[in-house]
N, C-alpha and C. Protein backbone atom coordinates (compact mmCIF):
# COMPACT_ATOMS: atom_id res chain seq x y z
N MET A 1 1.92 -18.91 -3.28
CA MET A 1 2.15 -17.34 -3.06
C MET A 1 3.45 -16.93 -2.04
N LYS A 2 4.22 -16.22 -2.62
CA LYS A 2 5.36 -15.85 -1.77
C LYS A 2 4.92 -15.08 -0.68
N LYS A 3 5.50 -15.29 0.49
CA LYS A 3 5.32 -14.45 1.75
C LYS A 3 5.47 -12.99 1.57
N ILE A 4 4.49 -12.23 1.98
CA ILE A 4 4.59 -10.79 1.82
C ILE A 4 5.14 -10.06 3.01
N PRO A 5 6.22 -9.40 2.95
CA PRO A 5 6.81 -8.75 4.08
C PRO A 5 5.93 -7.65 4.80
N GLN A 6 6.12 -7.72 6.04
CA GLN A 6 5.66 -6.53 6.75
C GLN A 6 6.31 -5.31 6.24
N ILE A 7 5.64 -4.14 6.22
CA ILE A 7 6.00 -2.88 5.69
C ILE A 7 5.78 -1.85 6.81
N SER A 8 6.52 -0.98 7.05
CA SER A 8 6.05 -0.05 8.23
C SER A 8 5.37 1.04 7.26
N GLU A 9 4.79 2.07 8.01
CA GLU A 9 4.05 3.06 7.39
C GLU A 9 4.81 4.18 6.50
N ALA A 10 6.15 4.41 7.06
CA ALA A 10 6.97 5.16 6.34
C ALA A 10 7.51 4.34 5.22
N GLU A 11 8.03 2.95 5.23
CA GLU A 11 8.33 2.28 4.19
C GLU A 11 7.15 2.39 2.96
N PHE A 12 5.98 2.18 3.71
CA PHE A 12 4.77 2.10 2.56
C PHE A 12 4.70 3.49 1.61
N GLU A 13 5.23 4.67 2.28
CA GLU A 13 5.26 5.91 1.67
C GLU A 13 6.32 5.66 0.43
N VAL A 14 7.39 5.00 0.69
CA VAL A 14 8.27 4.84 -0.15
C VAL A 14 8.04 3.88 -1.26
N MET A 15 7.39 2.60 -1.02
CA MET A 15 6.67 1.60 -1.77
C MET A 15 5.81 2.30 -2.93
N LYS A 16 4.82 3.26 -2.29
CA LYS A 16 3.86 3.93 -3.22
C LYS A 16 4.79 4.62 -4.40
N ILE A 17 5.72 5.14 -4.17
CA ILE A 17 6.37 5.89 -5.13
C ILE A 17 6.98 4.78 -6.22
N ILE A 18 7.69 3.55 -5.64
CA ILE A 18 8.21 2.75 -6.52
C ILE A 18 7.16 2.20 -7.25
N TRP A 19 5.99 1.71 -6.70
CA TRP A 19 4.91 1.22 -7.48
C TRP A 19 4.64 2.03 -8.57
N ASP A 20 4.49 3.34 -8.23
CA ASP A 20 3.85 4.09 -9.33
C ASP A 20 4.82 4.37 -10.53
N TYR A 21 5.83 4.48 -10.15
CA TYR A 21 6.99 5.00 -10.98
C TYR A 21 8.03 4.10 -11.56
N HIS A 22 8.04 2.68 -11.11
CA HIS A 22 9.11 1.75 -11.42
C HIS A 22 9.22 1.71 -13.01
N PRO A 23 10.52 1.46 -13.30
CA PRO A 23 11.76 1.35 -12.61
C PRO A 23 12.16 3.01 -12.47
N ILE A 24 12.68 3.16 -11.18
CA ILE A 24 12.97 4.34 -10.82
C ILE A 24 14.35 4.62 -9.81
N SER A 25 14.97 5.56 -10.07
CA SER A 25 16.27 5.72 -9.57
C SER A 25 16.28 6.31 -7.99
N THR A 26 17.32 6.06 -7.20
CA THR A 26 17.29 6.60 -5.77
C THR A 26 16.74 8.15 -5.72
N ASN A 27 17.41 8.88 -6.92
CA ASN A 27 17.28 10.23 -6.75
C ASN A 27 15.75 10.58 -7.15
N GLU A 28 15.37 9.95 -7.97
CA GLU A 28 13.83 10.34 -8.40
C GLU A 28 12.95 9.76 -7.36
N ILE A 29 13.23 8.83 -6.38
CA ILE A 29 12.49 8.45 -5.35
C ILE A 29 12.52 9.75 -4.18
N ILE A 30 13.85 10.20 -3.97
CA ILE A 30 13.92 11.15 -3.02
C ILE A 30 13.28 12.56 -3.75
N GLU A 31 13.38 12.80 -4.97
CA GLU A 31 12.62 13.93 -5.56
C GLU A 31 11.24 13.94 -5.25
N HIS A 32 10.58 12.67 -5.55
CA HIS A 32 9.14 12.53 -5.33
C HIS A 32 8.58 12.69 -3.84
N LEU A 33 9.43 12.05 -2.99
CA LEU A 33 9.18 12.07 -1.63
C LEU A 33 9.32 13.51 -0.93
N SER A 34 10.29 14.10 -1.42
CA SER A 34 10.79 15.65 -0.89
C SER A 34 9.54 16.53 -1.10
N LYS A 35 8.52 16.11 -1.96
CA LYS A 35 7.58 17.04 -2.06
C LYS A 35 6.41 16.94 -0.95
N THR A 36 6.46 15.92 -0.44
CA THR A 36 5.45 15.86 0.86
C THR A 36 5.95 15.39 2.20
N LYS A 37 7.29 15.10 2.11
CA LYS A 37 7.96 14.58 3.43
C LYS A 37 9.18 15.39 3.75
N THR A 38 9.51 15.57 4.92
CA THR A 38 10.79 16.38 5.41
C THR A 38 11.94 15.34 5.62
N TRP A 39 11.94 13.96 5.27
CA TRP A 39 12.75 13.06 5.39
C TRP A 39 14.20 13.46 4.71
N SER A 40 15.29 13.24 5.23
CA SER A 40 16.47 13.36 4.67
C SER A 40 16.64 12.30 3.45
N PRO A 41 17.54 12.54 2.51
CA PRO A 41 17.95 11.56 1.60
C PRO A 41 18.49 10.32 2.22
N LYS A 42 19.25 10.43 3.27
CA LYS A 42 19.73 9.34 3.84
C LYS A 42 18.79 8.48 4.61
N THR A 43 17.82 9.05 5.13
CA THR A 43 16.60 8.40 5.68
C THR A 43 15.87 7.67 4.80
N ILE A 44 15.69 8.14 3.68
CA ILE A 44 14.91 7.50 2.33
C ILE A 44 15.74 6.38 1.89
N GLN A 45 17.16 6.50 1.89
CA GLN A 45 18.02 5.52 1.18
C GLN A 45 18.09 4.42 2.24
N THR A 46 17.87 4.54 3.51
CA THR A 46 18.04 3.56 4.65
C THR A 46 16.74 2.87 4.59
N MET A 47 15.61 3.41 4.24
CA MET A 47 14.17 2.59 3.93
C MET A 47 14.27 1.82 3.08
N MET A 48 15.00 2.30 1.83
CA MET A 48 15.15 1.36 0.67
C MET A 48 16.14 0.21 0.93
N ILE A 49 17.11 0.48 1.61
CA ILE A 49 17.88 -0.60 1.81
C ILE A 49 17.07 -1.64 2.81
N ARG A 50 16.21 -1.22 3.71
CA ARG A 50 15.40 -2.11 4.57
C ARG A 50 14.41 -2.94 3.61
N LEU A 51 13.68 -2.01 2.63
CA LEU A 51 12.82 -2.88 1.93
C LEU A 51 13.40 -3.74 0.83
N GLU A 52 14.52 -3.64 0.60
CA GLU A 52 15.02 -4.58 -0.21
C GLU A 52 15.62 -5.97 0.61
N LYS A 53 16.07 -5.50 1.73
CA LYS A 53 16.33 -6.69 2.88
C LYS A 53 15.22 -7.49 3.01
N LYS A 54 14.02 -6.80 3.10
CA LYS A 54 12.68 -7.63 3.54
C LYS A 54 12.12 -8.53 2.17
N GLY A 55 12.67 -8.09 1.06
CA GLY A 55 12.22 -8.44 -0.17
C GLY A 55 11.00 -8.10 -0.97
N ALA A 56 10.92 -6.74 -0.55
CA ALA A 56 9.77 -5.96 -1.18
C ALA A 56 10.34 -5.11 -2.48
N VAL A 57 11.41 -4.90 -2.50
CA VAL A 57 12.03 -4.36 -3.67
C VAL A 57 13.29 -4.98 -4.24
N LYS A 58 13.61 -4.78 -5.49
CA LYS A 58 15.22 -5.18 -5.89
C LYS A 58 15.53 -3.93 -6.61
N HIS A 59 16.93 -3.98 -6.92
CA HIS A 59 17.73 -2.85 -7.53
C HIS A 59 18.59 -3.43 -8.47
N LYS A 60 18.91 -2.67 -9.72
CA LYS A 60 19.93 -2.99 -10.33
C LYS A 60 20.80 -1.69 -10.55
N LYS A 61 21.95 -1.91 -10.79
CA LYS A 61 22.90 -0.73 -10.99
C LYS A 61 23.22 -0.28 -12.38
N GLU A 62 22.80 0.88 -12.73
CA GLU A 62 23.21 1.37 -14.19
C GLU A 62 24.12 2.33 -14.06
N SER A 63 25.46 2.41 -14.33
CA SER A 63 26.37 3.34 -14.33
C SER A 63 26.51 3.70 -12.65
N ARG A 64 26.17 4.85 -12.13
CA ARG A 64 26.33 5.16 -11.02
C ARG A 64 25.10 5.23 -10.26
N LEU A 65 24.02 4.82 -10.93
CA LEU A 65 22.49 4.75 -10.35
C LEU A 65 22.14 3.61 -9.82
N TYR A 66 21.28 3.63 -8.74
CA TYR A 66 20.41 2.36 -8.49
C TYR A 66 19.09 2.54 -8.73
N ILE A 67 18.76 1.54 -9.61
CA ILE A 67 17.30 1.65 -10.10
C ILE A 67 16.44 0.62 -9.52
N TYR A 68 15.46 1.03 -8.84
CA TYR A 68 14.49 0.25 -8.08
C TYR A 68 13.30 -0.28 -8.79
N SER A 69 12.84 -1.44 -8.45
CA SER A 69 11.61 -2.12 -9.11
C SER A 69 10.92 -2.81 -7.88
N PRO A 70 9.61 -2.91 -8.02
CA PRO A 70 9.05 -3.61 -6.77
C PRO A 70 9.15 -5.18 -6.98
N ILE A 71 9.16 -6.00 -5.94
CA ILE A 71 8.97 -7.50 -6.06
C ILE A 71 7.55 -7.87 -5.67
N VAL A 72 7.11 -7.21 -4.75
CA VAL A 72 5.87 -7.35 -3.93
C VAL A 72 4.69 -6.42 -5.03
N ARG A 73 3.58 -7.01 -5.41
CA ARG A 73 2.66 -6.20 -6.11
C ARG A 73 2.00 -5.41 -5.25
N LYS A 74 1.51 -4.28 -5.73
CA LYS A 74 0.71 -3.32 -4.82
C LYS A 74 -0.69 -3.97 -4.45
N ASP A 75 -1.07 -4.71 -5.32
CA ASP A 75 -2.65 -5.20 -5.22
C ASP A 75 -2.50 -6.40 -3.99
N ASP A 76 -1.33 -6.99 -4.21
CA ASP A 76 -1.10 -8.10 -3.35
C ASP A 76 -0.88 -7.78 -1.63
N TYR A 77 -0.12 -6.54 -1.55
CA TYR A 77 0.10 -6.02 -0.31
C TYR A 77 -1.24 -5.55 0.29
N ILE A 78 -1.86 -4.72 -0.66
CA ILE A 78 -3.01 -3.96 -0.04
C ILE A 78 -4.18 -5.11 0.38
N ASP A 79 -4.26 -6.17 -0.36
CA ASP A 79 -5.26 -7.09 -0.13
C ASP A 79 -4.88 -7.87 1.39
N MET A 80 -3.34 -8.07 1.45
CA MET A 80 -2.87 -8.60 2.90
C MET A 80 -3.28 -7.81 3.87
N GLU A 81 -2.93 -6.39 4.02
CA GLU A 81 -3.15 -5.45 4.75
C GLU A 81 -4.60 -5.25 5.15
N SER A 82 -5.51 -5.40 4.24
CA SER A 82 -6.94 -5.27 4.28
C SER A 82 -7.57 -6.57 5.00
N ARG A 83 -7.06 -7.86 4.87
CA ARG A 83 -7.46 -8.80 5.42
C ARG A 83 -6.92 -8.86 7.08
N ASN A 84 -5.65 -8.27 7.08
CA ASN A 84 -4.99 -8.09 8.56
C ASN A 84 -5.84 -7.02 9.31
N PHE A 85 -6.27 -5.99 8.79
CA PHE A 85 -7.25 -5.03 9.39
C PHE A 85 -8.55 -5.63 9.88
N LEU A 86 -9.31 -6.36 8.81
CA LEU A 86 -10.38 -7.06 9.26
C LEU A 86 -10.34 -8.10 10.15
N ASN A 87 -9.16 -8.73 10.28
CA ASN A 87 -9.17 -9.92 11.17
C ASN A 87 -8.74 -9.33 12.58
N ARG A 88 -8.07 -8.27 12.53
CA ARG A 88 -7.52 -7.55 14.06
C ARG A 88 -8.84 -6.83 14.41
N PHE A 89 -9.58 -6.11 13.80
CA PHE A 89 -10.70 -5.14 14.46
C PHE A 89 -12.03 -5.76 14.25
N TYR A 90 -12.26 -6.63 13.20
CA TYR A 90 -13.72 -7.03 12.81
C TYR A 90 -13.93 -8.41 12.81
N CYS A 91 -12.98 -9.41 13.57
CA CYS A 91 -13.29 -10.94 13.47
C CYS A 91 -13.27 -11.27 12.10
N GLY A 92 -12.61 -10.70 11.21
CA GLY A 92 -12.29 -11.25 9.87
C GLY A 92 -13.37 -10.73 8.83
N THR A 93 -14.42 -10.22 9.13
CA THR A 93 -15.50 -10.20 8.31
C THR A 93 -15.95 -8.66 7.99
N ILE A 94 -16.25 -8.65 6.63
CA ILE A 94 -16.65 -7.26 6.19
C ILE A 94 -17.87 -6.74 7.02
N GLN A 95 -18.75 -7.76 7.00
CA GLN A 95 -20.19 -7.65 7.49
C GLN A 95 -19.93 -6.81 8.97
N SER A 96 -19.10 -7.40 9.88
CA SER A 96 -18.93 -6.97 11.11
C SER A 96 -18.41 -5.38 11.06
N MET A 97 -17.43 -5.17 10.14
CA MET A 97 -16.86 -3.84 9.80
C MET A 97 -17.92 -2.82 9.40
N VAL A 98 -18.82 -3.18 8.52
CA VAL A 98 -19.97 -2.36 7.92
C VAL A 98 -21.19 -2.21 9.09
N THR A 99 -21.24 -3.28 9.72
CA THR A 99 -22.30 -3.20 10.78
C THR A 99 -21.73 -2.12 11.99
N SER A 100 -20.55 -2.20 12.14
CA SER A 100 -20.01 -1.20 13.19
C SER A 100 -20.14 0.19 12.55
N PHE A 101 -19.66 0.47 11.39
CA PHE A 101 -19.95 1.83 10.83
C PHE A 101 -21.25 2.26 10.87
N ILE A 102 -22.49 1.31 10.37
CA ILE A 102 -23.73 1.75 10.48
C ILE A 102 -24.19 2.06 11.93
N GLU A 103 -23.90 1.15 13.06
CA GLU A 103 -24.42 1.42 14.33
C GLU A 103 -23.89 2.75 14.95
N ASN A 104 -22.69 3.03 14.32
CA ASN A 104 -21.93 4.23 15.12
C ASN A 104 -22.00 5.59 14.04
N ASP A 105 -23.06 5.49 13.33
CA ASP A 105 -23.39 6.43 12.33
C ASP A 105 -22.07 7.10 11.55
N LYS A 106 -21.17 6.24 11.20
CA LYS A 106 -20.11 6.58 10.25
C LYS A 106 -20.27 6.49 9.06
N LEU A 107 -21.43 6.20 8.47
CA LEU A 107 -21.57 6.13 6.83
C LEU A 107 -22.68 7.21 6.62
N SER A 108 -22.29 8.01 5.65
CA SER A 108 -23.17 9.13 5.13
C SER A 108 -24.10 8.50 4.18
N GLU A 109 -25.19 9.21 3.82
CA GLU A 109 -26.20 8.84 2.73
C GLU A 109 -25.45 8.38 1.47
N LYS A 110 -24.40 9.31 1.30
CA LYS A 110 -23.53 9.25 -0.14
C LYS A 110 -22.70 7.89 0.21
N ASP A 111 -22.25 7.50 1.21
CA ASP A 111 -21.51 6.18 1.36
C ASP A 111 -22.31 5.08 1.16
N ILE A 112 -23.88 5.18 1.64
CA ILE A 112 -24.71 4.06 1.57
C ILE A 112 -25.12 3.77 0.29
N LYS A 113 -25.24 4.80 -0.72
CA LYS A 113 -25.66 4.88 -1.89
C LYS A 113 -24.58 4.24 -2.84
N GLU A 114 -23.28 4.59 -2.55
CA GLU A 114 -22.10 4.00 -3.08
C GLU A 114 -22.04 2.47 -3.07
N LEU A 115 -22.16 2.25 -1.53
CA LEU A 115 -22.14 0.74 -1.27
C LEU A 115 -23.17 -0.12 -1.95
N LYS A 116 -24.52 0.48 -2.13
CA LYS A 116 -25.63 -0.10 -2.79
C LYS A 116 -25.28 -0.48 -4.20
N GLU A 117 -24.76 0.59 -4.91
CA GLU A 117 -24.18 0.59 -6.34
C GLU A 117 -22.95 -0.62 -6.54
N LEU A 118 -21.97 -0.46 -5.55
CA LEU A 118 -21.00 -1.60 -5.65
C LEU A 118 -21.59 -2.93 -5.54
N LEU A 119 -22.61 -3.16 -4.54
CA LEU A 119 -23.37 -4.37 -4.41
C LEU A 119 -24.11 -4.71 -5.47
N ALA A 120 -24.63 -3.86 -6.19
CA ALA A 120 -25.51 -4.20 -7.54
C ALA A 120 -24.50 -4.83 -8.63
N GLN A 121 -23.50 -3.87 -8.71
CA GLN A 121 -22.58 -4.18 -9.85
C GLN A 121 -22.04 -5.64 -9.56
N LYS A 122 -21.58 -5.90 -8.22
CA LYS A 122 -21.24 -7.33 -8.13
C LYS A 122 -22.11 -8.33 -8.28
N ASP A 123 -23.44 -8.17 -8.09
CA ASP A 123 -24.45 -9.04 -8.17
C ASP A 123 -24.54 -9.34 -9.59
N LYS A 124 -24.55 -8.22 -10.43
CA LYS A 124 -24.56 -8.43 -11.93
C LYS A 124 -23.64 -9.19 -12.44
N ARG A 125 -22.41 -9.15 -11.97
CA ARG A 125 -21.29 -9.89 -12.53
C ARG A 125 -21.22 -11.29 -11.87
N GLY A 126 -22.00 -11.47 -11.01
CA GLY A 126 -22.04 -12.87 -10.34
C GLY A 126 -21.25 -13.12 -9.12
């Protein structure tokens, strides 16, 4: 498997737009992000250039437009970040994380019910 690049939180916001709407032009990315961020178009373009240098996205030029597509799959990136999170804070195990949440009363009754349902579904599938 190809190495997945490290992506900053801001770059991740750009990636979410690219993952959801690819192929997508620079102007469309800016338009989507302007709904939730106060970043300048130049800042967004800089992040897109960084993402391309990191190997997370690629572009092709159509007329005067740059059209972006992801190289890194969203599922692969989220899986890597989830594993990094578990390794960093919970010794690499989901059990340690859930135990921490249970011991610190961070799980509501609804959360517990949903976890039980997920585990039951997983058990049925094997």
